[in-house]
């Protein structure tokens, strides 16, 4: 049976280290005479992530090894989210949806929250729209119609459909490996215990 993407992320072992990176494409140019700086801002923003796993037996390691090999380098994709950010700190009430098509940029217009509700999401919470992961940058409250504006990172680059569901619990994004060739695993002390060490890096799949 053919492999279909995105793959489910293995859960048989906890992660020892997760490093989220926020990559932006803004640049600065400084005058050689006055040293005044101009910022050249573009729309490119995305997530990167570095993942390390604990030492494990072959029985546990093979699930991860085959997961990585199924990705076939940069070809395949998988869904991943902040393992400590699965639950929002805000109240996360209602059934929010994207309010209007053709939305791009740093602000997302949302409908479907309870009316006049505060702290629906708090700064630092995550939301998911389709396969895109966003971090909320300011606390979110709704107006009398249940509408709200959410400041997010990264910018919306591909407009989500009007009325697309906004996931507030266990939010994930679509990622792919950063390399086609990499050191996916290492066997330590193979003659004795034969423990496996694994780690890999990924980037948001756009």
N, C-alpha and C. Protein backbone atom coordinates (compact mmCIF):
# COMPACT_ATOMS: atom_id res chain seq x y z
N UNK A 1 0.85 -1.20 0.00
CA UNK A 1 0.00 0.00 0.00
C UNK A 1 0.88 1.24 0.00
N UNK A 2 0.55 2.20 -0.84
CA UNK A 2 1.36 3.40 -0.96
C UNK A 2 1.29 4.24 0.31
N UNK A 3 2.40 4.88 0.63
CA UNK A 3 2.45 5.77 1.79
C UNK A 3 1.72 7.07 1.45
N UNK A 4 0.86 7.53 2.34
CA UNK A 4 0.16 8.79 2.14
C UNK A 4 0.61 9.79 3.18
N UNK A 5 0.69 11.04 2.79
CA UNK A 5 1.14 12.12 3.66
C UNK A 5 -0.03 13.06 3.95
N UNK A 6 -0.01 13.73 5.10
CA UNK A 6 1.05 13.73 6.12
C UNK A 6 1.01 12.49 7.00
N UNK A 7 2.20 12.11 7.48
CA UNK A 7 2.31 10.99 8.40
C UNK A 7 1.90 11.40 9.81
N UNK A 8 1.43 10.44 10.58
CA UNK A 8 1.19 10.67 12.00
C UNK A 8 2.53 10.67 12.73
N UNK A 9 2.69 11.58 13.66
CA UNK A 9 3.93 11.67 14.42
C UNK A 9 3.95 10.58 15.48
N UNK A 10 5.04 9.80 15.58
CA UNK A 10 5.09 8.72 16.58
C UNK A 10 4.93 9.26 18.00
N UNK A 11 4.34 8.45 18.85
CA UNK A 11 4.11 8.88 20.24
C UNK A 11 4.56 7.83 21.25
N UNK A 12 5.32 6.82 20.80
CA UNK A 12 5.71 5.77 21.73
C UNK A 12 6.79 6.21 22.71
N UNK A 13 7.47 7.32 22.43
CA UNK A 13 8.49 7.85 23.32
C UNK A 13 8.34 9.37 23.42
N UNK A 14 8.58 9.90 24.62
CA UNK A 14 8.58 11.34 24.79
C UNK A 14 9.80 11.97 24.16
N UNK A 15 9.75 13.26 23.96
CA UNK A 15 10.85 13.99 23.36
C UNK A 15 11.73 14.59 24.46
N UNK A 16 13.03 14.57 24.27
CA UNK A 16 13.93 15.15 25.27
C UNK A 16 14.21 16.62 25.00
N UNK A 17 14.06 17.05 23.75
CA UNK A 17 14.37 18.45 23.42
C UNK A 17 13.62 18.84 22.16
N UNK A 18 12.93 19.97 22.23
CA UNK A 18 12.25 20.53 21.06
C UNK A 18 12.61 22.00 20.98
N UNK A 19 13.17 22.41 19.87
CA UNK A 19 13.55 23.81 19.67
C UNK A 19 12.73 24.37 18.51
N UNK A 20 11.77 25.23 18.83
CA UNK A 20 11.00 25.92 17.80
C UNK A 20 11.74 27.17 17.36
N UNK A 21 11.81 27.39 16.08
CA UNK A 21 12.40 28.60 15.53
C UNK A 21 11.38 29.36 14.71
N UNK A 22 11.47 30.69 14.75
CA UNK A 22 10.58 31.55 13.98
C UNK A 22 11.41 32.25 12.92
N UNK A 23 11.31 31.80 11.68
CA UNK A 23 12.13 32.31 10.59
C UNK A 23 11.38 33.40 9.84
N UNK A 24 12.00 34.56 9.70
CA UNK A 24 11.42 35.66 8.95
C UNK A 24 12.39 36.09 7.86
N UNK A 25 11.87 36.74 6.84
CA UNK A 25 12.70 37.14 5.70
C UNK A 25 12.99 38.64 5.67
N UNK A 26 12.72 39.34 6.77
CA UNK A 26 13.03 40.77 6.82
C UNK A 26 14.53 40.99 6.78
N UNK A 27 14.95 42.11 6.21
CA UNK A 27 16.37 42.43 6.09
C UNK A 27 16.59 43.90 6.44
N UNK A 28 17.83 44.26 6.77
CA UNK A 28 18.17 45.64 7.08
C UNK A 28 19.31 46.09 6.17
N UNK A 29 19.27 47.37 5.84
CA UNK A 29 20.33 48.00 5.05
C UNK A 29 20.78 49.24 5.80
N UNK A 30 22.09 49.34 6.06
CA UNK A 30 22.63 50.49 6.80
C UNK A 30 23.42 51.39 5.87
N UNK A 31 23.25 52.71 6.05
CA UNK A 31 24.03 53.68 5.28
C UNK A 31 25.49 53.61 5.72
N UNK A 32 26.44 53.55 4.77
CA UNK A 32 27.86 53.53 5.15
C UNK A 32 28.34 54.87 5.70
N UNK A 33 27.53 55.92 5.55
CA UNK A 33 27.94 57.26 5.98
C UNK A 33 27.30 57.67 7.31
N UNK A 34 26.02 57.40 7.46
CA UNK A 34 25.31 57.82 8.68
C UNK A 34 24.98 56.65 9.60
N UNK A 35 25.11 55.43 9.10
CA UNK A 35 24.74 54.21 9.82
C UNK A 35 23.25 54.11 10.12
N UNK A 36 22.47 55.02 9.51
CA UNK A 36 21.02 54.89 9.66
C UNK A 36 20.56 53.60 8.99
N UNK A 37 19.58 52.97 9.60
CA UNK A 37 19.16 51.64 9.16
C UNK A 37 17.75 51.70 8.57
N UNK A 38 17.60 51.04 7.44
CA UNK A 38 16.28 50.87 6.83
C UNK A 38 15.92 49.39 6.88
N UNK A 39 14.66 49.13 7.24
CA UNK A 39 14.18 47.76 7.32
C UNK A 39 13.39 47.44 6.05
N UNK A 40 13.77 46.36 5.41
CA UNK A 40 13.05 45.89 4.24
C UNK A 40 12.25 44.65 4.65
N UNK A 41 10.95 44.85 4.78
CA UNK A 41 10.09 43.79 5.28
C UNK A 41 9.41 43.07 4.13
N UNK A 42 9.48 41.74 4.14
CA UNK A 42 8.76 40.94 3.16
C UNK A 42 7.82 40.00 3.89
N UNK A 43 7.08 39.22 3.15
CA UNK A 43 5.99 38.45 3.74
C UNK A 43 6.42 37.07 4.24
N UNK A 44 7.66 36.68 4.00
CA UNK A 44 8.09 35.33 4.35
C UNK A 44 8.25 35.13 5.85
N UNK A 45 7.47 34.24 6.43
CA UNK A 45 7.60 33.83 7.83
C UNK A 45 7.19 32.37 7.93
N UNK A 46 7.95 31.60 8.71
CA UNK A 46 7.57 30.20 8.90
C UNK A 46 8.24 29.63 10.14
N UNK A 47 7.81 28.41 10.52
CA UNK A 47 8.33 27.71 11.67
C UNK A 47 9.47 26.78 11.27
N UNK A 48 10.44 26.63 12.17
CA UNK A 48 11.41 25.55 12.08
C UNK A 48 11.38 24.81 13.42
N UNK A 49 11.84 23.56 13.41
CA UNK A 49 11.84 22.79 14.65
C UNK A 49 12.99 21.78 14.62
N UNK A 50 13.69 21.68 15.76
CA UNK A 50 14.73 20.68 15.96
C UNK A 50 14.25 19.74 17.07
N UNK A 51 14.29 18.45 16.82
CA UNK A 51 13.72 17.46 17.72
C UNK A 51 14.79 16.45 18.13
N UNK A 52 14.91 16.21 19.44
CA UNK A 52 15.81 15.19 19.97
C UNK A 52 15.00 14.20 20.78
N UNK A 53 15.41 12.93 20.71
CA UNK A 53 14.71 11.85 21.40
C UNK A 53 15.63 11.20 22.41
N UNK A 54 15.07 10.54 23.42
CA UNK A 54 15.91 9.88 24.43
C UNK A 54 16.54 8.62 23.86
N UNK A 55 17.59 8.14 24.54
CA UNK A 55 18.14 6.83 24.20
C UNK A 55 17.05 5.77 24.34
N UNK A 56 17.00 4.86 23.39
CA UNK A 56 15.94 3.85 23.43
C UNK A 56 16.41 2.55 22.81
N UNK A 57 15.68 1.50 23.14
CA UNK A 57 15.98 0.19 22.59
C UNK A 57 15.60 0.15 21.12
N UNK A 58 16.08 -0.89 20.45
CA UNK A 58 15.72 -1.03 19.03
C UNK A 58 14.22 -1.16 18.86
N UNK A 59 13.57 -1.87 19.78
CA UNK A 59 12.12 -2.07 19.68
C UNK A 59 11.39 -0.75 19.58
N UNK A 60 11.80 0.23 20.38
CA UNK A 60 11.17 1.55 20.33
C UNK A 60 11.70 2.38 19.17
N UNK A 61 12.99 2.25 18.89
CA UNK A 61 13.63 3.10 17.90
C UNK A 61 13.15 2.84 16.48
N UNK A 62 12.82 1.59 16.17
CA UNK A 62 12.47 1.28 14.79
C UNK A 62 11.21 2.01 14.32
N UNK A 63 10.30 2.33 15.22
CA UNK A 63 9.12 3.10 14.83
C UNK A 63 9.53 4.49 14.34
N UNK A 64 10.52 5.09 15.01
CA UNK A 64 11.00 6.40 14.61
C UNK A 64 11.85 6.32 13.34
N UNK A 65 12.69 5.31 13.26
CA UNK A 65 13.55 5.16 12.09
C UNK A 65 12.71 4.98 10.82
N UNK A 66 11.72 4.10 10.89
CA UNK A 66 10.88 3.90 9.71
C UNK A 66 10.02 5.12 9.42
N UNK A 67 9.60 5.84 10.45
CA UNK A 67 8.88 7.11 10.24
C UNK A 67 9.74 8.07 9.41
N UNK A 68 11.00 8.22 9.78
CA UNK A 68 11.89 9.13 9.06
C UNK A 68 12.16 8.64 7.64
N UNK A 69 12.35 7.35 7.48
CA UNK A 69 12.60 6.82 6.15
C UNK A 69 11.38 6.93 5.24
N UNK A 70 10.19 6.79 5.81
CA UNK A 70 8.96 6.97 5.02
C UNK A 70 8.85 8.39 4.45
N UNK A 71 9.41 9.34 5.16
CA UNK A 71 9.37 10.73 4.67
C UNK A 71 10.20 10.91 3.41
N UNK A 72 11.20 10.02 3.21
CA UNK A 72 12.05 10.08 2.02
C UNK A 72 12.63 11.47 1.81
N UNK A 73 13.36 11.89 2.85
CA UNK A 73 13.97 13.22 2.79
C UNK A 73 12.92 14.30 2.83
N UNK A 74 13.05 15.27 1.94
CA UNK A 74 12.15 16.42 1.91
C UNK A 74 10.82 16.13 1.24
N UNK A 75 10.66 14.93 0.70
CA UNK A 75 9.44 14.64 -0.06
C UNK A 75 8.20 14.64 0.82
N UNK A 76 8.23 13.88 1.90
CA UNK A 76 7.03 13.67 2.71
C UNK A 76 6.81 14.75 3.74
N UNK A 77 5.65 14.71 4.35
CA UNK A 77 5.28 15.68 5.38
C UNK A 77 4.68 14.97 6.59
N UNK A 78 4.66 15.69 7.72
CA UNK A 78 4.04 15.18 8.94
C UNK A 78 3.46 16.35 9.72
N UNK A 79 2.53 16.04 10.61
CA UNK A 79 1.90 17.05 11.45
C UNK A 79 2.57 17.06 12.81
N UNK A 80 2.87 18.27 13.31
CA UNK A 80 3.56 18.39 14.60
C UNK A 80 3.15 19.70 15.26
N UNK A 81 3.05 19.66 16.59
CA UNK A 81 2.75 20.86 17.36
C UNK A 81 3.57 20.90 18.63
N UNK A 82 3.54 22.02 19.31
CA UNK A 82 4.26 22.20 20.56
C UNK A 82 3.73 21.18 21.58
N UNK A 83 4.58 20.24 22.04
CA UNK A 83 4.07 19.21 22.96
C UNK A 83 3.59 19.75 24.29
N UNK A 84 4.01 20.95 24.68
CA UNK A 84 3.55 21.55 25.93
C UNK A 84 2.51 22.64 25.69
N UNK A 85 2.13 22.83 24.43
CA UNK A 85 1.15 23.85 24.10
C UNK A 85 -0.13 23.27 23.52
N UNK A 86 -0.41 22.01 23.85
CA UNK A 86 -1.60 21.38 23.29
C UNK A 86 -2.89 22.02 23.80
N UNK A 87 -2.91 22.39 25.07
CA UNK A 87 -4.11 22.99 25.66
C UNK A 87 -3.95 24.50 25.73
N UNK A 88 -4.92 25.26 25.23
CA UNK A 88 -4.84 26.72 25.34
C UNK A 88 -4.98 27.17 26.79
N UNK A 89 -4.34 28.28 27.11
CA UNK A 89 -4.47 28.84 28.45
C UNK A 89 -5.72 29.69 28.58
N UNK A 90 -6.25 30.15 27.44
CA UNK A 90 -7.51 30.88 27.45
C UNK A 90 -8.70 29.95 27.60
N UNK A 91 -9.91 30.52 27.61
CA UNK A 91 -11.12 29.73 27.84
C UNK A 91 -11.47 28.85 26.64
N UNK A 92 -11.06 29.26 25.43
CA UNK A 92 -11.29 28.48 24.21
C UNK A 92 -12.75 28.06 24.05
N UNK A 93 -13.66 29.02 24.18
CA UNK A 93 -15.09 28.75 24.08
C UNK A 93 -15.58 28.95 22.66
N UNK A 94 -16.73 28.36 22.35
CA UNK A 94 -17.34 28.56 21.05
C UNK A 94 -16.77 27.64 19.99
N UNK A 95 -17.18 27.93 18.75
CA UNK A 95 -16.73 27.15 17.58
C UNK A 95 -16.25 28.14 16.53
N UNK A 96 -15.06 28.72 16.73
CA UNK A 96 -14.60 29.78 15.84
C UNK A 96 -14.28 29.30 14.44
N UNK A 97 -14.54 30.18 13.47
CA UNK A 97 -14.25 29.91 12.07
C UNK A 97 -13.67 31.17 11.45
N UNK A 98 -13.00 31.00 10.32
CA UNK A 98 -12.47 32.14 9.57
C UNK A 98 -13.63 32.99 9.08
N UNK A 99 -13.56 34.30 9.33
CA UNK A 99 -14.64 35.22 8.98
C UNK A 99 -14.25 36.02 7.73
N UNK A 100 -14.50 35.42 6.57
CA UNK A 100 -14.20 36.09 5.31
C UNK A 100 -13.04 35.46 4.57
N UNK A 101 -13.18 35.35 3.27
CA UNK A 101 -12.12 34.81 2.44
C UNK A 101 -11.07 35.85 2.11
N UNK A 102 -10.03 35.42 1.39
CA UNK A 102 -8.96 36.30 0.90
C UNK A 102 -8.18 36.98 2.03
N UNK A 103 -8.07 36.34 3.19
CA UNK A 103 -7.32 36.92 4.29
C UNK A 103 -5.84 36.51 4.19
N UNK A 104 -4.98 37.49 4.22
CA UNK A 104 -3.54 37.27 4.33
C UNK A 104 -3.00 38.29 5.31
N UNK A 105 -1.77 38.06 5.79
CA UNK A 105 -1.16 39.03 6.68
C UNK A 105 -1.09 38.58 8.12
N UNK A 106 -0.96 39.56 9.01
CA UNK A 106 -0.67 39.30 10.42
C UNK A 106 -1.90 39.20 11.30
N UNK A 107 -3.08 39.53 10.78
CA UNK A 107 -4.30 39.56 11.56
C UNK A 107 -5.34 38.65 10.93
N UNK A 108 -5.98 37.82 11.76
CA UNK A 108 -7.01 36.92 11.28
C UNK A 108 -8.36 37.36 11.86
N UNK A 109 -9.33 37.53 10.98
CA UNK A 109 -10.68 37.88 11.41
C UNK A 109 -11.48 36.60 11.62
N UNK A 110 -12.14 36.52 12.78
CA UNK A 110 -12.77 35.27 13.23
C UNK A 110 -14.21 35.52 13.65
N UNK A 111 -15.07 34.56 13.39
CA UNK A 111 -16.45 34.56 13.89
C UNK A 111 -16.69 33.27 14.65
N UNK A 112 -17.80 33.23 15.41
CA UNK A 112 -18.18 31.99 16.07
C UNK A 112 -17.81 31.89 17.54
N UNK A 113 -17.25 32.96 18.10
CA UNK A 113 -17.00 32.98 19.54
C UNK A 113 -18.29 33.39 20.28
N UNK A 114 -18.41 33.09 21.57
CA UNK A 114 -19.51 33.65 22.35
C UNK A 114 -19.42 35.18 22.36
N UNK A 115 -20.54 35.84 22.49
CA UNK A 115 -20.56 37.30 22.47
C UNK A 115 -19.93 37.88 23.73
N UNK A 116 -19.19 38.96 23.55
CA UNK A 116 -18.62 39.74 24.67
C UNK A 116 -17.86 38.87 25.67
N UNK A 117 -17.05 37.97 25.17
CA UNK A 117 -16.28 37.07 26.03
C UNK A 117 -14.81 37.48 26.03
N UNK A 118 -14.21 37.49 27.21
CA UNK A 118 -12.81 37.86 27.35
C UNK A 118 -11.91 36.65 27.52
N UNK A 119 -10.65 36.85 27.21
CA UNK A 119 -9.61 35.82 27.41
C UNK A 119 -9.98 34.48 26.76
N UNK A 120 -10.55 34.57 25.56
CA UNK A 120 -10.87 33.34 24.82
C UNK A 120 -9.60 32.59 24.46
N UNK A 121 -8.60 33.34 24.08
CA UNK A 121 -7.24 32.83 23.87
C UNK A 121 -6.29 33.82 24.50
N UNK A 122 -5.19 33.33 25.04
CA UNK A 122 -4.19 34.20 25.63
C UNK A 122 -2.94 34.23 24.76
N UNK A 123 -2.19 35.30 24.88
CA UNK A 123 -0.95 35.43 24.11
C UNK A 123 -0.07 34.21 24.36
N UNK A 124 0.36 33.58 23.28
CA UNK A 124 1.17 32.37 23.39
C UNK A 124 0.42 31.10 23.09
N UNK A 125 -0.94 31.14 23.09
CA UNK A 125 -1.71 29.98 22.69
C UNK A 125 -1.52 29.71 21.20
N UNK A 126 -1.85 28.50 20.79
CA UNK A 126 -1.75 28.11 19.38
C UNK A 126 -3.13 27.87 18.80
N UNK A 127 -3.25 28.12 17.50
CA UNK A 127 -4.43 27.73 16.74
C UNK A 127 -3.98 27.05 15.46
N UNK A 128 -4.85 26.23 14.91
CA UNK A 128 -4.58 25.54 13.65
C UNK A 128 -5.71 25.83 12.68
N UNK A 129 -5.34 26.19 11.45
CA UNK A 129 -6.31 26.35 10.36
C UNK A 129 -5.85 25.46 9.22
N UNK A 130 -6.69 24.51 8.85
CA UNK A 130 -6.29 23.47 7.90
C UNK A 130 -4.99 22.84 8.42
N UNK A 131 -3.90 22.91 7.67
CA UNK A 131 -2.64 22.31 8.13
C UNK A 131 -1.60 23.35 8.54
N UNK A 132 -2.05 24.53 8.91
CA UNK A 132 -1.13 25.61 9.29
C UNK A 132 -1.23 25.89 10.79
N UNK A 133 -0.06 26.07 11.41
CA UNK A 133 0.04 26.33 12.85
C UNK A 133 0.37 27.80 13.08
N UNK A 134 -0.40 28.45 13.97
CA UNK A 134 -0.17 29.86 14.29
C UNK A 134 -0.12 30.04 15.80
N UNK A 135 0.74 30.98 16.23
CA UNK A 135 0.79 31.36 17.64
C UNK A 135 0.07 32.69 17.80
N UNK A 136 -0.79 32.75 18.81
CA UNK A 136 -1.55 33.97 19.12
C UNK A 136 -0.62 34.95 19.84
N UNK A 137 -0.59 36.20 19.37
CA UNK A 137 0.36 37.18 19.90
C UNK A 137 -0.25 38.13 20.94
N UNK A 138 -1.56 38.25 20.98
CA UNK A 138 -2.23 39.09 21.98
C UNK A 138 -3.46 38.34 22.51
N UNK A 139 -3.87 38.69 23.73
CA UNK A 139 -5.08 38.10 24.29
C UNK A 139 -6.27 38.40 23.37
N UNK A 140 -7.20 37.47 23.29
CA UNK A 140 -8.32 37.58 22.36
C UNK A 140 -9.64 37.69 23.12
N UNK A 141 -10.42 38.72 22.79
CA UNK A 141 -11.77 38.88 23.31
C UNK A 141 -12.72 39.11 22.13
N UNK A 142 -13.99 38.77 22.32
CA UNK A 142 -14.96 38.90 21.24
C UNK A 142 -15.85 40.12 21.45
N UNK A 143 -16.49 40.56 20.34
CA UNK A 143 -17.43 41.67 20.44
C UNK A 143 -18.84 41.14 20.63
N UNK A 144 -19.83 42.02 20.49
CA UNK A 144 -21.22 41.66 20.77
C UNK A 144 -21.78 40.65 19.77
N UNK A 145 -21.09 40.46 18.63
CA UNK A 145 -21.54 39.50 17.63
C UNK A 145 -20.71 38.21 17.64
N UNK A 146 -19.78 38.13 18.58
CA UNK A 146 -18.92 36.95 18.63
C UNK A 146 -17.76 37.00 17.65
N UNK A 147 -17.49 38.20 17.12
CA UNK A 147 -16.36 38.38 16.20
C UNK A 147 -15.11 38.74 16.99
N UNK A 148 -13.95 38.44 16.42
CA UNK A 148 -12.68 38.81 17.05
C UNK A 148 -11.60 38.92 15.98
N UNK A 149 -10.59 39.72 16.29
CA UNK A 149 -9.39 39.83 15.46
C UNK A 149 -8.24 39.21 16.23
N UNK A 150 -7.50 38.32 15.59
CA UNK A 150 -6.40 37.61 16.25
C UNK A 150 -5.09 37.96 15.57
N UNK A 151 -4.16 38.52 16.34
CA UNK A 151 -2.81 38.77 15.83
C UNK A 151 -2.01 37.47 15.94
N UNK A 152 -1.35 37.09 14.85
CA UNK A 152 -0.74 35.77 14.80
C UNK A 152 0.67 35.81 14.22
N UNK A 153 1.43 34.77 14.50
CA UNK A 153 2.68 34.43 13.82
C UNK A 153 2.60 32.96 13.43
N UNK A 154 3.04 32.63 12.23
CA UNK A 154 3.52 33.49 11.15
C UNK A 154 2.37 34.15 10.41
N UNK A 155 2.73 35.07 9.51
CA UNK A 155 1.72 35.69 8.68
C UNK A 155 0.97 34.63 7.85
N UNK A 156 -0.28 34.93 7.56
CA UNK A 156 -1.03 34.09 6.64
C UNK A 156 -0.51 34.36 5.23
N UNK A 157 -0.01 33.31 4.59
CA UNK A 157 0.55 33.45 3.24
C UNK A 157 -0.42 32.95 2.17
N UNK A 158 -1.13 31.88 2.49
CA UNK A 158 -2.13 31.33 1.58
C UNK A 158 -3.49 31.47 2.27
N UNK A 159 -4.36 32.25 1.68
CA UNK A 159 -5.63 32.57 2.33
C UNK A 159 -6.46 31.32 2.61
N UNK A 160 -6.88 31.13 3.88
CA UNK A 160 -7.75 29.98 4.18
C UNK A 160 -9.17 30.26 3.68
N UNK A 161 -9.94 29.23 3.42
CA UNK A 161 -11.32 29.43 2.96
C UNK A 161 -12.17 30.13 4.01
N UNK A 162 -13.14 30.88 3.54
CA UNK A 162 -14.12 31.46 4.45
C UNK A 162 -14.82 30.33 5.20
N UNK A 163 -15.03 30.53 6.50
CA UNK A 163 -15.70 29.56 7.38
C UNK A 163 -14.87 28.33 7.68
N UNK A 164 -13.56 28.36 7.37
CA UNK A 164 -12.69 27.25 7.75
C UNK A 164 -12.63 27.14 9.27
N UNK A 165 -12.65 25.92 9.78
CA UNK A 165 -12.64 25.67 11.22
C UNK A 165 -11.30 26.09 11.83
N UNK A 166 -11.36 26.72 13.01
CA UNK A 166 -10.16 27.09 13.75
C UNK A 166 -10.02 26.13 14.93
N UNK A 167 -8.95 25.35 14.92
CA UNK A 167 -8.70 24.36 15.97
C UNK A 167 -7.93 25.03 17.10
N UNK A 168 -8.44 24.93 18.32
CA UNK A 168 -7.79 25.57 19.46
C UNK A 168 -7.12 24.57 20.39
N UNK A 169 -7.45 23.30 20.28
CA UNK A 169 -6.85 22.26 21.12
C UNK A 169 -5.99 21.34 20.27
N UNK A 170 -4.78 21.04 20.79
CA UNK A 170 -3.85 20.16 20.09
C UNK A 170 -3.58 20.65 18.67
N UNK A 171 -3.31 21.93 18.55
CA UNK A 171 -3.04 22.54 17.25
C UNK A 171 -1.70 22.04 16.69
N UNK A 172 -1.69 21.78 15.38
CA UNK A 172 -0.50 21.27 14.72
C UNK A 172 -0.30 21.99 13.39
N UNK A 173 0.92 21.87 12.87
CA UNK A 173 1.23 22.40 11.56
C UNK A 173 1.90 21.34 10.71
N UNK A 174 2.00 21.61 9.43
CA UNK A 174 2.58 20.67 8.47
C UNK A 174 4.07 20.96 8.32
N UNK A 175 4.89 19.91 8.50
CA UNK A 175 6.34 20.06 8.44
C UNK A 175 6.93 19.02 7.48
N UNK A 176 8.16 19.34 7.01
CA UNK A 176 8.95 18.39 6.25
C UNK A 176 10.40 18.47 6.70
N UNK A 177 11.18 17.43 6.50
CA UNK A 177 12.58 17.42 6.90
C UNK A 177 13.35 18.50 6.15
N UNK A 178 14.39 19.01 6.79
CA UNK A 178 15.20 20.06 6.16
C UNK A 178 16.25 19.50 5.22
N UNK A 179 16.52 18.19 5.30
CA UNK A 179 17.57 17.61 4.47
C UNK A 179 17.08 16.33 3.81
N UNK A 180 17.64 16.06 2.62
CA UNK A 180 17.41 14.78 1.97
C UNK A 180 18.33 13.70 2.51
N UNK A 181 19.46 14.12 3.02
CA UNK A 181 20.42 13.17 3.57
C UNK A 181 20.80 13.65 4.96
N UNK A 182 20.69 12.78 5.93
CA UNK A 182 21.02 13.19 7.29
C UNK A 182 21.31 12.01 8.18
N UNK A 183 21.88 12.30 9.32
CA UNK A 183 22.18 11.27 10.32
C UNK A 183 20.94 11.11 11.19
N UNK A 184 20.08 10.17 10.83
CA UNK A 184 18.82 10.03 11.52
C UNK A 184 18.97 9.31 12.86
N UNK A 185 19.91 8.35 12.94
CA UNK A 185 20.05 7.63 14.20
C UNK A 185 21.48 7.14 14.38
N UNK A 186 21.80 6.90 15.64
CA UNK A 186 23.12 6.42 16.03
C UNK A 186 22.96 5.32 17.07
N UNK A 187 23.74 4.26 16.92
CA UNK A 187 23.69 3.16 17.88
C UNK A 187 24.89 3.29 18.81
N UNK A 188 24.61 3.45 20.10
CA UNK A 188 25.68 3.60 21.08
C UNK A 188 25.96 2.27 21.76
N UNK A 189 27.24 1.97 21.96
CA UNK A 189 27.66 0.74 22.62
C UNK A 189 26.94 -0.49 22.04
N UNK A 190 27.06 -0.71 20.72
CA UNK A 190 26.27 -1.77 20.09
C UNK A 190 26.57 -3.17 20.59
N UNK A 191 27.78 -3.42 21.09
CA UNK A 191 28.12 -4.77 21.54
C UNK A 191 27.37 -5.13 22.82
N UNK A 192 27.13 -4.10 23.65
CA UNK A 192 26.49 -4.36 24.95
C UNK A 192 24.99 -4.03 24.89
N UNK A 193 24.65 -2.80 25.18
CA UNK A 193 23.23 -2.45 25.30
C UNK A 193 22.58 -2.13 23.95
N UNK A 194 23.33 -1.58 23.04
CA UNK A 194 22.78 -1.26 21.73
C UNK A 194 21.65 -0.26 21.77
N UNK A 195 21.82 0.85 22.48
CA UNK A 195 20.79 1.87 22.55
C UNK A 195 20.87 2.79 21.33
N UNK A 196 19.70 3.26 20.91
CA UNK A 196 19.61 4.10 19.73
C UNK A 196 19.40 5.56 20.14
N UNK A 197 20.10 6.45 19.44
CA UNK A 197 19.96 7.89 19.65
C UNK A 197 19.45 8.51 18.35
N UNK A 198 18.39 9.31 18.45
CA UNK A 198 17.77 9.89 17.25
C UNK A 198 17.50 11.38 17.44
N UNK A 199 17.58 12.09 16.33
CA UNK A 199 17.22 13.50 16.30
C UNK A 199 17.12 13.96 14.86
N UNK A 200 16.32 15.01 14.61
CA UNK A 200 16.17 15.49 13.25
C UNK A 200 15.61 16.93 13.28
N UNK A 201 15.73 17.59 12.14
CA UNK A 201 15.26 18.97 12.00
C UNK A 201 14.22 19.04 10.89
N UNK A 202 13.26 19.95 11.05
CA UNK A 202 12.19 20.08 10.07
C UNK A 202 11.84 21.56 9.90
N UNK A 203 11.14 21.83 8.81
CA UNK A 203 10.72 23.19 8.50
C UNK A 203 9.27 23.15 8.05
N UNK A 204 8.56 24.23 8.30
CA UNK A 204 7.15 24.28 7.91
C UNK A 204 7.02 24.03 6.42
N UNK A 205 6.09 23.18 6.05
CA UNK A 205 5.87 22.84 4.64
C UNK A 205 4.82 23.78 4.06
N UNK A 206 5.23 24.59 3.12
CA UNK A 206 4.32 25.57 2.52
C UNK A 206 3.83 25.09 1.15
